[in-house]
Amino acid sequence: MKELECLVCQETVTEEDLYNQLDDILMEYLDKPGALIPVLQITQGIFGYLPEEALKKISVKLKKPYSEVTGVVSFYSFFSTHPRGKNLIRVCLGTACYVRGGKEVLNSLKKELNIDVGMTTSDKLFSLDVGRCFGACGLAPVIMINDDVHQRVRPEKIGDILMEYKKIPNKDFKEVI
C-alpha cells in the first residue's frame, strides 16, 4: 500500500484512504446533473492533482465516457494531471504583461526555480505555469502565487518574492517573554 505525504495537512495518508474519500464523493454526486466539474475539483483537492486511475473511476461511476472526462480536464487550466507543488506560480503572458516584461519574469522564475513551465521543483514547494490574462493589465507584469497577486514584478525581485513562500515555521520555536 502506497503512502503519500499530504502537502496541506502534513500527515501521511495511504492511497487507499484517498480513493475511499473519492468513493464517498462519487456516491454523494451519483445522480446529480452537472456533477462532473465539481467532482473533478473535489478530487483534485483530495489528491493534489487528477491521477488517471481516479479519472477512470469518475468516468465509470458518473456514467460518462472517459474521453469526456479527460476532455474537460484538458480544457480547463485549473485541472492538473500531474502532482503540483505546495505553491502554484502562474505568470501572466497576456498582451499587457508580455509587453511590460512578463517573458523576462518567467525566465527569471525558471532560472531561480530550476524548472520549466508545467514542472514542479524537486522539493515539491513550487510549480510553474502561465496564464493569459489575470485582469490586472494596469499593474503589469503580474504573477499569482496561489491566490496572491504580485504586481509590477521585476525579474530582479523574484528571489525576494519566493522567499516569502519558502519560509517554514520552526516547530521548536518558543516565545520568550
Protein backbone atom coordinates (compact mmCIF):
# COMPACT_ATOMS: atom_id res chain seq x y z
CA MET A 1 0.00 0.00 0.00
CA LYS A 2 1.48 3.32 -1.10
CA GLU A 3 1.80 6.10 1.48
CA LEU A 4 1.65 9.73 0.45
CA GLU A 5 2.53 12.97 2.22
CA CYS A 6 -0.41 15.37 2.36
CA LEU A 7 1.05 18.78 1.44
CA VAL A 8 -1.71 20.72 3.15
CA CYS A 9 -2.09 18.83 6.41
CA GLN A 10 1.47 17.42 6.65
CA GLU A 11 0.11 13.96 7.51
CA THR A 12 0.85 10.63 5.93
CA VAL A 13 -2.16 9.08 4.22
CA THR A 14 -2.49 5.95 2.16
CA GLU A 15 -3.60 5.87 -1.44
CA GLU A 16 -6.45 3.62 -0.27
CA ASP A 17 -7.64 6.38 2.11
CA LEU A 18 -7.72 8.86 -0.77
CA TYR A 19 -9.69 6.52 -3.01
CA ASN A 20 -12.13 5.83 -0.16
CA GLN A 21 -12.72 9.59 0.05
CA LEU A 22 -13.28 9.66 -3.71
CA ASP A 23 -15.81 6.83 -3.42
CA ASP A 24 -17.73 8.83 -0.80
CA ILE A 25 -17.76 11.91 -3.04
CA LEU A 26 -18.92 9.89 -6.04
CA MET A 27 -21.79 8.40 -4.03
CA GLU A 28 -22.84 11.91 -2.99
CA TYR A 29 -22.85 13.20 -6.61
CA LEU A 30 -24.02 9.99 -8.31
CA ASP A 31 -27.29 11.18 -9.86
CA LYS A 32 -26.80 14.93 -9.73
CA PRO A 33 -26.83 16.77 -13.07
CA GLY A 34 -23.69 18.77 -13.78
CA ALA A 35 -21.67 16.74 -11.27
CA LEU A 36 -18.54 16.24 -13.39
CA ILE A 37 -16.76 19.55 -12.76
CA PRO A 38 -17.48 19.68 -9.00
CA VAL A 39 -16.33 16.06 -8.66
CA LEU A 40 -13.14 16.83 -10.56
CA GLN A 41 -12.49 19.88 -8.36
CA ILE A 42 -13.02 17.90 -5.15
CA THR A 43 -10.91 15.03 -6.46
CA GLN A 44 -8.06 17.40 -7.27
CA GLY A 45 -8.40 18.77 -3.75
CA ILE A 46 -8.09 15.26 -2.32
CA PHE A 47 -5.14 14.07 -4.41
CA GLY A 48 -3.49 17.41 -5.24
CA TYR A 49 -3.91 16.51 -8.94
CA LEU A 50 -6.05 14.17 -11.05
CA PRO A 51 -4.47 10.72 -11.35
CA GLU A 52 -5.50 8.59 -14.34
CA GLU A 53 -6.97 5.90 -12.08
CA ALA A 54 -9.21 8.48 -10.38
CA LEU A 55 -10.36 9.81 -13.77
CA LYS A 56 -11.30 6.29 -14.86
CA LYS A 57 -13.23 5.74 -11.64
CA ILE A 58 -15.08 9.06 -12.11
CA SER A 59 -15.91 8.10 -15.70
CA VAL A 60 -17.40 4.75 -14.66
CA LYS A 61 -19.32 5.98 -11.60
CA LEU A 62 -20.79 9.07 -13.31
CA LYS A 63 -21.51 7.06 -16.48
CA LYS A 64 -19.54 9.50 -18.64
CA PRO A 65 -17.25 8.48 -21.49
CA TYR A 66 -13.61 8.62 -20.42
CA SER A 67 -12.94 10.93 -23.38
CA GLU A 68 -15.48 13.42 -22.00
CA VAL A 69 -13.84 13.38 -18.56
CA THR A 70 -10.33 13.88 -19.95
CA GLY A 71 -11.65 16.48 -22.39
CA VAL A 72 -12.97 18.59 -19.51
CA VAL A 73 -9.70 18.13 -17.60
CA SER A 74 -7.57 19.21 -20.54
CA PHE A 75 -9.85 22.16 -21.42
CA TYR A 76 -9.70 23.89 -18.02
CA SER A 77 -6.24 25.11 -16.95
CA PHE A 78 -7.27 24.76 -13.30
CA PHE A 79 -7.02 20.98 -13.57
CA SER A 80 -3.71 19.13 -13.49
CA THR A 81 -2.96 15.50 -14.29
CA HIS A 82 0.41 15.58 -12.54
CA PRO A 83 1.30 16.45 -8.94
CA ARG A 84 1.76 20.13 -8.23
CA GLY A 85 3.86 21.79 -5.62
CA LYS A 86 2.57 23.38 -2.43
CA ASN A 87 2.70 26.78 -4.16
CA LEU A 88 1.40 27.26 -7.69
CA ILE A 89 3.07 30.14 -9.51
CA ARG A 90 1.29 31.44 -12.60
CA VAL A 91 2.88 34.10 -14.79
CA CYS A 92 0.57 36.25 -16.87
CA LEU A 93 1.61 36.36 -20.51
CA GLY A 94 -1.39 38.32 -21.75
CA THR A 95 -0.59 41.21 -24.08
CA ALA A 96 -0.02 43.92 -21.44
CA CYS A 97 2.09 41.68 -19.19
CA TYR A 98 4.07 40.30 -22.11
CA VAL A 99 4.86 43.80 -23.46
CA ARG A 100 5.83 45.05 -19.99
CA GLY A 101 8.29 42.23 -19.26
CA GLY A 102 6.26 39.12 -18.43
CA LYS A 103 8.53 36.90 -20.52
CA GLU A 104 11.60 38.13 -18.61
CA VAL A 105 9.81 37.50 -15.30
CA LEU A 106 9.01 33.96 -16.48
CA ASN A 107 12.64 33.37 -17.49
CA SER A 108 13.80 34.63 -14.09
CA LEU A 109 11.42 32.22 -12.33
CA LYS A 110 12.61 29.32 -14.48
CA LYS A 111 16.20 30.12 -13.59
CA GLU A 112 15.54 30.68 -9.89
CA LEU A 113 13.46 27.50 -9.51
CA ASN A 114 15.49 25.45 -11.99
CA ILE A 115 12.31 24.15 -13.67
CA ASP A 116 10.36 24.80 -16.84
CA VAL A 117 6.68 25.63 -17.32
CA GLY A 118 4.49 22.73 -16.24
CA MET A 119 7.09 21.35 -13.86
CA THR A 120 7.40 21.11 -10.08
CA THR A 121 10.54 21.68 -8.02
CA SER A 122 12.16 18.57 -6.54
CA ASP A 123 11.22 19.70 -3.01
CA LYS A 124 7.55 19.92 -4.16
CA LEU A 125 7.39 23.52 -2.94
CA PHE A 126 6.69 25.24 -6.29
CA SER A 127 5.00 24.50 -9.60
CA LEU A 128 5.29 26.89 -12.53
CA ASP A 129 2.57 27.68 -15.05
CA VAL A 130 1.49 30.51 -17.34
CA GLY A 131 -1.82 32.29 -17.81
CA ARG A 132 -3.20 34.55 -20.50
CA CYS A 133 -4.86 37.34 -18.51
CA PHE A 134 -5.49 37.87 -14.81
CA GLY A 135 -7.47 41.07 -15.32
CA ALA A 136 -4.78 43.32 -13.85
CA CYS A 137 -3.37 44.81 -17.05
CA GLY A 138 -2.69 48.22 -15.47
CA LEU A 139 -0.42 46.51 -12.92
CA ALA A 140 1.60 44.50 -15.46
CA PRO A 141 3.60 42.38 -15.33
CA VAL A 142 1.67 40.24 -12.86
CA ILE A 143 2.25 36.84 -11.30
CA MET A 144 -0.01 34.87 -8.99
CA ILE A 145 1.29 32.59 -6.29
CA ASN A 146 -1.64 30.57 -5.06
CA ASP A 147 -4.27 33.31 -4.57
CA ASP A 148 -1.77 36.14 -4.02
CA VAL A 149 -1.37 38.65 -6.85
CA HIS A 150 2.06 40.24 -7.22
CA GLN A 151 2.02 43.34 -9.40
CA ARG A 152 4.66 45.25 -11.35
CA VAL A 153 7.04 42.33 -10.85
CA ARG A 154 10.65 42.77 -11.91
CA PRO A 155 12.96 39.83 -12.64
CA GLU A 156 15.46 41.03 -10.02
CA LYS A 157 12.75 40.81 -7.30
CA ILE A 158 11.83 37.16 -7.94
CA GLY A 159 14.16 35.86 -5.22
CA ASP A 160 12.60 38.15 -2.61
CA ILE A 161 9.06 37.18 -3.63
CA LEU A 162 9.84 33.45 -3.49
CA MET A 163 11.48 33.81 -0.09
CA GLU A 164 8.06 34.68 1.39
CA TYR A 165 6.81 31.25 0.32
CA LYS A 166 9.93 29.32 1.34
CA LYS A 167 9.55 30.27 4.99
CA ILE A 168 8.70 27.22 7.07
CA PRO A 169 7.61 27.72 10.66
CA ASN A 170 10.09 26.38 13.19
CA LYS A 171 8.19 23.83 15.28
CA ASP A 172 10.78 24.11 18.07
CA PHE A 173 10.32 27.89 18.39
CA LYS A 174 9.42 29.01 21.91
CA GLU A 175 8.26 32.52 22.55
CA VAL A 176 10.42 34.38 25.02
CA ILE A 177 8.66 36.97 27.16
